[in-house]
Amino acid sequence: EDGRGIYWPNGLDFCADFLKRSSF
């Protein structure tokens, strides 16, 4: 809800900072 990351129903999540560093 606050945009701090993404998640799936099983609880796996990735924070926004990690996503930004891991993307192109």
mmCIF file of all heavy atoms, coordinates in Angstrom:
data_MODEL
# 
_entry.id   MODEL 
# 
loop_
_atom_site.group_PDB 
_atom_site.id 
_atom_site.type_symbol 
_atom_site.label_atom_id 
_atom_site.label_alt_id 
_atom_site.label_comp_id 
_atom_site.label_asym_id 
_atom_site.label_entity_id 
_atom_site.label_seq_id 
_atom_site.pdbx_PDB_ins_code 
_atom_site.Cartn_x 
_atom_site.Cartn_y 
_atom_site.Cartn_z 
_atom_site.occupancy 
_atom_site.B_iso_or_equiv 
_atom_site.pdbx_formal_charge 
_atom_site.auth_seq_id 
_atom_site.auth_comp_id 
_atom_site.auth_asym_id 
_atom_site.auth_atom_id 
_atom_site.pdbx_PDB_model_num 
ATOM 1   N N   . GLU A 1 1  ? 0.806  -1.214  0.000   1.00 0.00 ? 1  GLU A N   1 
ATOM 2   C CA  . GLU A 1 1  ? 0.000  0.000   0.000   1.00 0.00 ? 1  GLU A CA  1 
ATOM 3   C C   . GLU A 1 1  ? 0.846  1.275   0.000   1.00 0.00 ? 1  GLU A C   1 
ATOM 4   O O   . GLU A 1 1  ? 0.524  2.247   -0.672  1.00 0.00 ? 1  GLU A O   1 
ATOM 5   C CB  . GLU A 1 1  ? -0.937 0.010   1.216   1.00 0.00 ? 1  GLU A CB  1 
ATOM 6   C CG  . GLU A 1 1  ? -1.936 1.134   1.191   1.00 0.00 ? 1  GLU A CG  1 
ATOM 7   C CD  . GLU A 1 1  ? -2.950 1.010   2.310   1.00 0.00 ? 1  GLU A CD  1 
ATOM 8   O OE1 . GLU A 1 1  ? -3.484 -0.088  2.517   1.00 0.00 ? 1  GLU A OE1 1 
ATOM 9   O OE2 . GLU A 1 1  ? -3.190 2.029   2.966   1.00 0.00 ? 1  GLU A OE2 1 
ATOM 10  N N   . ASP A 1 2  ? 1.938  1.286   0.716   1.00 0.00 ? 2  ASP A N   1 
ATOM 11  C CA  . ASP A 1 2  ? 2.770  2.489   0.773   1.00 0.00 ? 2  ASP A CA  1 
ATOM 12  C C   . ASP A 1 2  ? 3.864  2.511   -0.294  1.00 0.00 ? 2  ASP A C   1 
ATOM 13  O O   . ASP A 1 2  ? 4.705  3.400   -0.314  1.00 0.00 ? 2  ASP A O   1 
ATOM 14  C CB  . ASP A 1 2  ? 3.394  2.634   2.159   1.00 0.00 ? 2  ASP A CB  1 
ATOM 15  C CG  . ASP A 1 2  ? 4.343  1.497   2.502   1.00 0.00 ? 2  ASP A CG  1 
ATOM 16  O OD1 . ASP A 1 2  ? 4.511  0.564   1.682   1.00 0.00 ? 2  ASP A OD1 1 
ATOM 17  O OD2 . ASP A 1 2  ? 4.933  1.541   3.587   1.00 0.00 ? 2  ASP A OD2 1 
ATOM 18  N N   . GLY A 1 3  ? 3.857  1.502   -1.198  1.00 0.00 ? 3  GLY A N   1 
ATOM 19  C CA  . GLY A 1 3  ? 4.817  1.460   -2.292  1.00 0.00 ? 3  GLY A CA  1 
ATOM 20  C C   . GLY A 1 3  ? 6.213  1.015   -1.901  1.00 0.00 ? 3  GLY A C   1 
ATOM 21  O O   . GLY A 1 3  ? 7.138  1.097   -2.695  1.00 0.00 ? 3  GLY A O   1 
ATOM 22  N N   . ARG A 1 4  ? 6.354  0.497   -0.694  1.00 0.00 ? 4  ARG A N   1 
ATOM 23  C CA  . ARG A 1 4  ? 7.696  0.135   -0.237  1.00 0.00 ? 4  ARG A CA  1 
ATOM 24  C C   . ARG A 1 4  ? 8.244  -1.142  -0.873  1.00 0.00 ? 4  ARG A C   1 
ATOM 25  O O   . ARG A 1 4  ? 9.380  -1.508  -0.658  1.00 0.00 ? 4  ARG A O   1 
ATOM 26  C CB  . ARG A 1 4  ? 7.757  0.048   1.276   1.00 0.00 ? 4  ARG A CB  1 
ATOM 27  C CG  . ARG A 1 4  ? 7.078  -1.144  1.879   1.00 0.00 ? 4  ARG A CG  1 
ATOM 28  C CD  . ARG A 1 4  ? 7.146  -1.089  3.407   1.00 0.00 ? 4  ARG A CD  1 
ATOM 29  N NE  . ARG A 1 4  ? 6.937  -2.366  4.030   1.00 0.00 ? 4  ARG A NE  1 
ATOM 30  C CZ  . ARG A 1 4  ? 5.763  -2.954  4.217   1.00 0.00 ? 4  ARG A CZ  1 
ATOM 31  N NH1 . ARG A 1 4  ? 4.676  -2.357  3.783   1.00 0.00 ? 4  ARG A NH1 1 
ATOM 32  N NH2 . ARG A 1 4  ? 5.671  -4.122  4.805   1.00 0.00 ? 4  ARG A NH2 1 
ATOM 33  N N   . GLY A 1 5  ? 7.427  -1.815  -1.685  1.00 0.00 ? 5  GLY A N   1 
ATOM 34  C CA  . GLY A 1 5  ? 7.884  -3.023  -2.363  1.00 0.00 ? 5  GLY A CA  1 
ATOM 35  C C   . GLY A 1 5  ? 6.729  -3.765  -3.005  1.00 0.00 ? 5  GLY A C   1 
ATOM 36  O O   . GLY A 1 5  ? 5.621  -3.243  -3.113  1.00 0.00 ? 5  GLY A O   1 
ATOM 37  N N   . ILE A 1 6  ? 7.036  -4.997  -3.434  1.00 0.00 ? 6  ILE A N   1 
ATOM 38  C CA  . ILE A 1 6  ? 6.017  -5.861  -4.036  1.00 0.00 ? 6  ILE A CA  1 
ATOM 39  C C   . ILE A 1 6  ? 5.980  -7.169  -3.259  1.00 0.00 ? 6  ILE A C   1 
ATOM 40  O O   . ILE A 1 6  ? 6.940  -7.512  -2.563  1.00 0.00 ? 6  ILE A O   1 
ATOM 41  C CB  . ILE A 1 6  ? 6.304  -6.135  -5.528  1.00 0.00 ? 6  ILE A CB  1 
ATOM 42  C CG1 . ILE A 1 6  ? 7.654  -6.833  -5.712  1.00 0.00 ? 6  ILE A CG1 1 
ATOM 43  C CG2 . ILE A 1 6  ? 6.216  -4.842  -6.326  1.00 0.00 ? 6  ILE A CG2 1 
ATOM 44  C CD1 . ILE A 1 6  ? 7.916  -7.353  -7.120  1.00 0.00 ? 6  ILE A CD1 1 
ATOM 45  N N   . TYR A 1 7  ? 4.870  -7.902  -3.393  1.00 0.00 ? 7  TYR A N   1 
ATOM 46  C CA  . TYR A 1 7  ? 4.730  -9.161  -2.655  1.00 0.00 ? 7  TYR A CA  1 
ATOM 47  C C   . TYR A 1 7  ? 3.789  -10.105 -3.389  1.00 0.00 ? 7  TYR A C   1 
ATOM 48  O O   . TYR A 1 7  ? 3.014  -9.696  -4.244  1.00 0.00 ? 7  TYR A O   1 
ATOM 49  C CB  . TYR A 1 7  ? 4.220  -8.906  -1.240  1.00 0.00 ? 7  TYR A CB  1 
ATOM 50  C CG  . TYR A 1 7  ? 2.807  -8.376  -1.189  1.00 0.00 ? 7  TYR A CG  1 
ATOM 51  C CD1 . TYR A 1 7  ? 1.727  -9.238  -1.001  1.00 0.00 ? 7  TYR A CD1 1 
ATOM 52  C CD2 . TYR A 1 7  ? 2.542  -7.020  -1.360  1.00 0.00 ? 7  TYR A CD2 1 
ATOM 53  C CE1 . TYR A 1 7  ? 0.427  -8.762  -0.971  1.00 0.00 ? 7  TYR A CE1 1 
ATOM 54  C CE2 . TYR A 1 7  ? 1.245  -6.537  -1.331  1.00 0.00 ? 7  TYR A CE2 1 
ATOM 55  C CZ  . TYR A 1 7  ? 0.197  -7.408  -1.131  1.00 0.00 ? 7  TYR A CZ  1 
ATOM 56  O OH  . TYR A 1 7  ? -1.089 -6.943  -1.107  1.00 0.00 ? 7  TYR A OH  1 
ATOM 57  N N   . TRP A 1 8  ? 3.880  -11.375 -3.006  1.00 0.00 ? 8  TRP A N   1 
ATOM 58  C CA  . TRP A 1 8  ? 2.987  -12.421 -3.498  1.00 0.00 ? 8  TRP A CA  1 
ATOM 59  C C   . TRP A 1 8  ? 2.236  -13.005 -2.306  1.00 0.00 ? 8  TRP A C   1 
ATOM 60  O O   . TRP A 1 8  ? 2.642  -12.824 -1.157  1.00 0.00 ? 8  TRP A O   1 
ATOM 61  C CB  . TRP A 1 8  ? 3.790  -13.508 -4.211  1.00 0.00 ? 8  TRP A CB  1 
ATOM 62  C CG  . TRP A 1 8  ? 4.205  -13.119 -5.591  1.00 0.00 ? 8  TRP A CG  1 
ATOM 63  C CD1 . TRP A 1 8  ? 3.529  -13.358 -6.759  1.00 0.00 ? 8  TRP A CD1 1 
ATOM 64  C CD2 . TRP A 1 8  ? 5.388  -12.412 -5.976  1.00 0.00 ? 8  TRP A CD2 1 
ATOM 65  N NE1 . TRP A 1 8  ? 4.214  -12.844 -7.833  1.00 0.00 ? 8  TRP A NE1 1 
ATOM 66  C CE2 . TRP A 1 8  ? 5.369  -12.258 -7.377  1.00 0.00 ? 8  TRP A CE2 1 
ATOM 67  C CE3 . TRP A 1 8  ? 6.479  -11.879 -5.274  1.00 0.00 ? 8  TRP A CE3 1 
ATOM 68  C CZ2 . TRP A 1 8  ? 6.368  -11.615 -8.076  1.00 0.00 ? 8  TRP A CZ2 1 
ATOM 69  C CZ3 . TRP A 1 8  ? 7.477  -11.231 -5.977  1.00 0.00 ? 8  TRP A CZ3 1 
ATOM 70  C CH2 . TRP A 1 8  ? 7.420  -11.107 -7.362  1.00 0.00 ? 8  TRP A CH2 1 
ATOM 71  N N   . PRO A 1 9  ? 1.146  -13.734 -2.556  1.00 0.00 ? 9  PRO A N   1 
ATOM 72  C CA  . PRO A 1 9  ? 0.322  -14.269 -1.469  1.00 0.00 ? 9  PRO A CA  1 
ATOM 73  C C   . PRO A 1 9  ? 1.078  -15.145 -0.456  1.00 0.00 ? 9  PRO A C   1 
ATOM 74  O O   . PRO A 1 9  ? 0.676  -15.221 0.702   1.00 0.00 ? 9  PRO A O   1 
ATOM 75  C CB  . PRO A 1 9  ? -0.755 -15.093 -2.193  1.00 0.00 ? 9  PRO A CB  1 
ATOM 76  C CG  . PRO A 1 9  ? -0.862 -14.471 -3.537  1.00 0.00 ? 9  PRO A CG  1 
ATOM 77  C CD  . PRO A 1 9  ? 0.530  -14.010 -3.870  1.00 0.00 ? 9  PRO A CD  1 
ATOM 78  N N   . ASN A 1 10 ? 2.168  -15.780 -0.866  1.00 0.00 ? 10 ASN A N   1 
ATOM 79  C CA  . ASN A 1 10 ? 2.893  -16.650 0.057   1.00 0.00 ? 10 ASN A CA  1 
ATOM 80  C C   . ASN A 1 10 ? 3.857  -15.893 0.964   1.00 0.00 ? 10 ASN A C   1 
ATOM 81  O O   . ASN A 1 10 ? 4.554  -16.485 1.769   1.00 0.00 ? 10 ASN A O   1 
ATOM 82  C CB  . ASN A 1 10 ? 3.653  -17.749 -0.697  1.00 0.00 ? 10 ASN A CB  1 
ATOM 83  C CG  . ASN A 1 10 ? 4.795  -17.220 -1.543  1.00 0.00 ? 10 ASN A CG  1 
ATOM 84  O OD1 . ASN A 1 10 ? 4.962  -16.017 -1.717  1.00 0.00 ? 10 ASN A OD1 1 
ATOM 85  N ND2 . ASN A 1 10 ? 5.580  -18.136 -2.085  1.00 0.00 ? 10 ASN A ND2 1 
ATOM 86  N N   . GLY A 1 11 ? 3.904  -14.563 0.834   1.00 0.00 ? 11 GLY A N   1 
ATOM 87  C CA  . GLY A 1 11 ? 4.756  -13.756 1.702   1.00 0.00 ? 11 GLY A CA  1 
ATOM 88  C C   . GLY A 1 11 ? 6.098  -13.356 1.095   1.00 0.00 ? 11 GLY A C   1 
ATOM 89  O O   . GLY A 1 11 ? 6.816  -12.549 1.678   1.00 0.00 ? 11 GLY A O   1 
ATOM 90  N N   . LEU A 1 12 ? 6.444  -13.903 -0.060  1.00 0.00 ? 12 LEU A N   1 
ATOM 91  C CA  . LEU A 1 12 ? 7.688  -13.501 -0.709  1.00 0.00 ? 12 LEU A CA  1 
ATOM 92  C C   . LEU A 1 12 ? 7.557  -12.044 -1.124  1.00 0.00 ? 12 LEU A C   1 
ATOM 93  O O   . LEU A 1 12 ? 6.554  -11.644 -1.723  1.00 0.00 ? 12 LEU A O   1 
ATOM 94  C CB  . LEU A 1 12 ? 7.969  -14.363 -1.938  1.00 0.00 ? 12 LEU A CB  1 
ATOM 95  C CG  . LEU A 1 12 ? 9.249  -14.013 -2.708  1.00 0.00 ? 12 LEU A CG  1 
ATOM 96  C CD1 . LEU A 1 12 ? 10.489 -14.258 -1.845  1.00 0.00 ? 12 LEU A CD1 1 
ATOM 97  C CD2 . LEU A 1 12 ? 9.339  -14.803 -3.988  1.00 0.00 ? 12 LEU A CD2 1 
ATOM 98  N N   . ASP A 1 13 ? 8.561  -11.257 -0.766  1.00 0.00 ? 13 ASP A N   1 
ATOM 99  C CA  . ASP A 1 13 ? 8.512  -9.856  -1.149  1.00 0.00 ? 13 ASP A CA  1 
ATOM 100 C C   . ASP A 1 13 ? 9.897  -9.325  -1.482  1.00 0.00 ? 13 ASP A C   1 
ATOM 101 O O   . ASP A 1 13 ? 10.910 -9.941  -1.163  1.00 0.00 ? 13 ASP A O   1 
ATOM 102 C CB  . ASP A 1 13 ? 7.840  -9.005  -0.071  1.00 0.00 ? 13 ASP A CB  1 
ATOM 103 C CG  . ASP A 1 13 ? 8.602  -8.980  1.250   1.00 0.00 ? 13 ASP A CG  1 
ATOM 104 O OD1 . ASP A 1 13 ? 9.623  -9.680  1.394   1.00 0.00 ? 13 ASP A OD1 1 
ATOM 105 O OD2 . ASP A 1 13 ? 8.172  -8.237  2.148   1.00 0.00 ? 13 ASP A OD2 1 
ATOM 106 N N   . PHE A 1 14 ? 9.894  -8.187  -2.172  1.00 0.00 ? 14 PHE A N   1 
ATOM 107 C CA  . PHE A 1 14 ? 11.115 -7.485  -2.548  1.00 0.00 ? 14 PHE A CA  1 
ATOM 108 C C   . PHE A 1 14 ? 10.889 -6.013  -2.242  1.00 0.00 ? 14 PHE A C   1 
ATOM 109 O O   . PHE A 1 14 ? 9.860  -5.446  -2.630  1.00 0.00 ? 14 PHE A O   1 
ATOM 110 C CB  . PHE A 1 14 ? 11.406 -7.637  -4.046  1.00 0.00 ? 14 PHE A CB  1 
ATOM 111 C CG  . PHE A 1 14 ? 11.770 -9.033  -4.463  1.00 0.00 ? 14 PHE A CG  1 
ATOM 112 C CD1 . PHE A 1 14 ? 10.788 -9.922  -4.872  1.00 0.00 ? 14 PHE A CD1 1 
ATOM 113 C CD2 . PHE A 1 14 ? 13.091 -9.457  -4.448  1.00 0.00 ? 14 PHE A CD2 1 
ATOM 114 C CE1 . PHE A 1 14 ? 11.118 -11.209 -5.268  1.00 0.00 ? 14 PHE A CE1 1 
ATOM 115 C CE2 . PHE A 1 14 ? 13.428 -10.740 -4.844  1.00 0.00 ? 14 PHE A CE2 1 
ATOM 116 C CZ  . PHE A 1 14 ? 12.442 -11.623 -5.248  1.00 0.00 ? 14 PHE A CZ  1 
ATOM 117 N N   . CYS A 1 15 ? 11.843 -5.387  -1.564  1.00 0.00 ? 15 CYS A N   1 
ATOM 118 C CA  . CYS A 1 15 ? 11.700 -3.964  -1.240  1.00 0.00 ? 15 CYS A CA  1 
ATOM 119 C C   . CYS A 1 15 ? 12.022 -3.112  -2.463  1.00 0.00 ? 15 CYS A C   1 
ATOM 120 O O   . CYS A 1 15 ? 12.734 -3.535  -3.376  1.00 0.00 ? 15 CYS A O   1 
ATOM 121 C CB  . CYS A 1 15 ? 12.574 -3.577  -0.055  1.00 0.00 ? 15 CYS A CB  1 
ATOM 122 S SG  . CYS A 1 15 ? 14.324 -3.451  -0.418  1.00 0.00 ? 15 CYS A SG  1 
ATOM 123 N N   . ALA A 1 16 ? 11.488 -1.899  -2.474  1.00 0.00 ? 16 ALA A N   1 
ATOM 124 C CA  . ALA A 1 16 ? 11.642 -0.993  -3.615  1.00 0.00 ? 16 ALA A CA  1 
ATOM 125 C C   . ALA A 1 16 ? 13.106 -0.664  -3.892  1.00 0.00 ? 16 ALA A C   1 
ATOM 126 O O   . ALA A 1 16 ? 13.515 -0.582  -5.055  1.00 0.00 ? 16 ALA A O   1 
ATOM 127 C CB  . ALA A 1 16 ? 10.846 0.284   -3.375  1.00 0.00 ? 16 ALA A CB  1 
ATOM 128 N N   . ASP A 1 17 ? 13.915 -0.481  -2.864  1.00 0.00 ? 17 ASP A N   1 
ATOM 129 C CA  . ASP A 1 17 ? 15.331 -0.162  -3.073  1.00 0.00 ? 17 ASP A CA  1 
ATOM 130 C C   . ASP A 1 17 ? 16.053 -1.295  -3.786  1.00 0.00 ? 17 ASP A C   1 
ATOM 131 O O   . ASP A 1 17 ? 16.845 -1.072  -4.697  1.00 0.00 ? 17 ASP A O   1 
ATOM 132 C CB  . ASP A 1 17 ? 16.024 0.159   -1.744  1.00 0.00 ? 17 ASP A CB  1 
ATOM 133 C CG  . ASP A 1 17 ? 15.541 1.466   -1.143  1.00 0.00 ? 17 ASP A CG  1 
ATOM 134 O OD1 . ASP A 1 17 ? 15.193 2.387   -1.904  1.00 0.00 ? 17 ASP A OD1 1 
ATOM 135 O OD2 . ASP A 1 17 ? 15.505 1.555   0.094   1.00 0.00 ? 17 ASP A OD2 1 
ATOM 136 N N   . PHE A 1 18 ? 15.773 -2.533  -3.383  1.00 0.00 ? 18 PHE A N   1 
ATOM 137 C CA  . PHE A 1 18 ? 16.376 -3.691  -4.046  1.00 0.00 ? 18 PHE A CA  1 
ATOM 138 C C   . PHE A 1 18 ? 15.922 -3.769  -5.503  1.00 0.00 ? 18 PHE A C   1 
ATOM 139 O O   . PHE A 1 18 ? 16.729 -4.013  -6.402  1.00 0.00 ? 18 PHE A O   1 
ATOM 140 C CB  . PHE A 1 18 ? 16.010 -4.983  -3.306  1.00 0.00 ? 18 PHE A CB  1 
ATOM 141 C CG  . PHE A 1 18 ? 16.486 -6.214  -4.006  1.00 0.00 ? 18 PHE A CG  1 
ATOM 142 C CD1 . PHE A 1 18 ? 17.799 -6.639  -3.866  1.00 0.00 ? 18 PHE A CD1 1 
ATOM 143 C CD2 . PHE A 1 18 ? 15.633 -6.950  -4.816  1.00 0.00 ? 18 PHE A CD2 1 
ATOM 144 C CE1 . PHE A 1 18 ? 18.252 -7.778  -4.526  1.00 0.00 ? 18 PHE A CE1 1 
ATOM 145 C CE2 . PHE A 1 18 ? 16.070 -8.082  -5.478  1.00 0.00 ? 18 PHE A CE2 1 
ATOM 146 C CZ  . PHE A 1 18 ? 17.386 -8.500  -5.321  1.00 0.00 ? 18 PHE A CZ  1 
ATOM 147 N N   . LEU A 1 19 ? 14.643 -3.546  -5.738  1.00 0.00 ? 19 LEU A N   1 
ATOM 148 C CA  . LEU A 1 19 ? 14.107 -3.597  -7.094  1.00 0.00 ? 19 LEU A CA  1 
ATOM 149 C C   . LEU A 1 19 ? 14.772 -2.549  -7.977  1.00 0.00 ? 19 LEU A C   1 
ATOM 150 O O   . LEU A 1 19 ? 15.120 -2.820  -9.119  1.00 0.00 ? 19 LEU A O   1 
ATOM 151 C CB  . LEU A 1 19 ? 12.591 -3.398  -7.080  1.00 0.00 ? 19 LEU A CB  1 
ATOM 152 C CG  . LEU A 1 19 ? 11.790 -4.503  -6.393  1.00 0.00 ? 19 LEU A CG  1 
ATOM 153 C CD1 . LEU A 1 19 ? 10.355 -4.050  -6.182  1.00 0.00 ? 19 LEU A CD1 1 
ATOM 154 C CD2 . LEU A 1 19 ? 11.864 -5.800  -7.173  1.00 0.00 ? 19 LEU A CD2 1 
ATOM 155 N N   . LYS A 1 20 ? 14.949 -1.364  -7.445  1.00 0.00 ? 20 LYS A N   1 
ATOM 156 C CA  . LYS A 1 20 ? 15.577 -0.283  -8.214  1.00 0.00 ? 20 LYS A CA  1 
ATOM 157 C C   . LYS A 1 20 ? 17.015 -0.652  -8.585  1.00 0.00 ? 20 LYS A C   1 
ATOM 158 O O   . LYS A 1 20 ? 17.447 -0.453  -9.709  1.00 0.00 ? 20 LYS A O   1 
ATOM 159 C CB  . LYS A 1 20 ? 15.538 1.000   -7.391  1.00 0.00 ? 20 LYS A CB  1 
ATOM 160 C CG  . LYS A 1 20 ? 16.147 2.196   -8.055  1.00 0.00 ? 20 LYS A CG  1 
ATOM 161 C CD  . LYS A 1 20 ? 15.241 2.774   -9.088  1.00 0.00 ? 20 LYS A CD  1 
ATOM 162 C CE  . LYS A 1 20 ? 15.833 4.108   -9.541  1.00 0.00 ? 20 LYS A CE  1 
ATOM 163 N NZ  . LYS A 1 20 ? 15.053 4.732   -10.547 1.00 0.00 ? 20 LYS A NZ  1 
ATOM 164 N N   . ARG A 1 21 ? 17.763 -1.222  -7.646  1.00 0.00 ? 21 ARG A N   1 
ATOM 165 C CA  . ARG A 1 21 ? 19.159 -1.610  -7.905  1.00 0.00 ? 21 ARG A CA  1 
ATOM 166 C C   . ARG A 1 21 ? 19.271 -2.812  -8.826  1.00 0.00 ? 21 ARG A C   1 
ATOM 167 O O   . ARG A 1 21 ? 20.274 -2.968  -9.521  1.00 0.00 ? 21 ARG A O   1 
ATOM 168 C CB  . ARG A 1 21 ? 19.880 -1.916  -6.588  1.00 0.00 ? 21 ARG A CB  1 
ATOM 169 C CG  . ARG A 1 21 ? 20.190 -0.696  -5.769  1.00 0.00 ? 21 ARG A CG  1 
ATOM 170 C CD  . ARG A 1 21 ? 21.126 -1.012  -4.624  1.00 0.00 ? 21 ARG A CD  1 
ATOM 171 N NE  . ARG A 1 21 ? 20.701 -2.137  -3.811  1.00 0.00 ? 21 ARG A NE  1 
ATOM 172 C CZ  . ARG A 1 21 ? 19.952 -2.057  -2.719  1.00 0.00 ? 21 ARG A CZ  1 
ATOM 173 N NH1 . ARG A 1 21 ? 19.530 -0.889  -2.303  1.00 0.00 ? 21 ARG A NH1 1 
ATOM 174 N NH2 . ARG A 1 21 ? 19.629 -3.135  -2.045  1.00 0.00 ? 21 ARG A NH2 1 
ATOM 175 N N   . SER A 1 22 ? 18.267 -3.678  -8.856  1.00 0.00 ? 22 SER A N   1 
ATOM 176 C CA  . SER A 1 22 ? 18.322 -4.922  -9.627  1.00 0.00 ? 22 SER A CA  1 
ATOM 177 C C   . SER A 1 22 ? 17.751 -4.801  -11.030 1.00 0.00 ? 22 SER A C   1 
ATOM 178 O O   . SER A 1 22 ? 17.793 -5.753  -11.798 1.00 0.00 ? 22 SER A O   1 
ATOM 179 C CB  . SER A 1 22 ? 17.555 -6.027  -8.893  1.00 0.00 ? 22 SER A CB  1 
ATOM 180 O OG  . SER A 1 22 ? 18.132 -6.260  -7.641  1.00 0.00 ? 22 SER A OG  1 
ATOM 181 N N   . SER A 1 23 ? 17.230 -3.663  -11.367 1.00 0.00 ? 23 SER A N   1 
ATOM 182 C CA  . SER A 1 23 ? 16.553 -3.500  -12.645 1.00 0.00 ? 23 SER A CA  1 
ATOM 183 C C   . SER A 1 23 ? 17.436 -2.774  -13.644 1.00 0.00 ? 23 SER A C   1 
ATOM 184 O O   . SER A 1 23 ? 18.478 -2.244  -13.303 1.00 0.00 ? 23 SER A O   1 
ATOM 185 C CB  . SER A 1 23 ? 15.257 -2.722  -12.438 1.00 0.00 ? 23 SER A CB  1 
ATOM 186 O OG  . SER A 1 23 ? 15.531 -1.439  -11.915 1.00 0.00 ? 23 SER A OG  1 
ATOM 187 N N   . PHE A 1 24 ? 16.972 -2.773  -14.884 1.00 0.00 ? 24 PHE A N   1 
ATOM 188 C CA  . PHE A 1 24 ? 17.648 -1.969  -15.888 1.00 0.00 ? 24 PHE A CA  1 
ATOM 189 C C   . PHE A 1 24 ? 16.695 -0.880  -16.335 1.00 0.00 ? 24 PHE A C   1 
ATOM 190 O O   . PHE A 1 24 ? 15.500 -1.088  -16.465 1.00 0.00 ? 24 PHE A O   1 
ATOM 191 C CB  . PHE A 1 24 ? 18.157 -2.807  -17.067 1.00 0.00 ? 24 PHE A CB  1 
ATOM 192 C CG  . PHE A 1 24 ? 17.095 -3.493  -17.877 1.00 0.00 ? 24 PHE A CG  1 
ATOM 193 C CD1 . PHE A 1 24 ? 16.499 -2.866  -18.953 1.00 0.00 ? 24 PHE A CD1 1 
ATOM 194 C CD2 . PHE A 1 24 ? 16.692 -4.791  -17.559 1.00 0.00 ? 24 PHE A CD2 1 
ATOM 195 C CE1 . PHE A 1 24 ? 15.525 -3.503  -19.703 1.00 0.00 ? 24 PHE A CE1 1 
ATOM 196 C CE2 . PHE A 1 24 ? 15.711 -5.437  -18.307 1.00 0.00 ? 24 PHE A CE2 1 
ATOM 197 C CZ  . PHE A 1 24 ? 15.130 -4.788  -19.378 1.00 0.00 ? 24 PHE A CZ  1 
# 
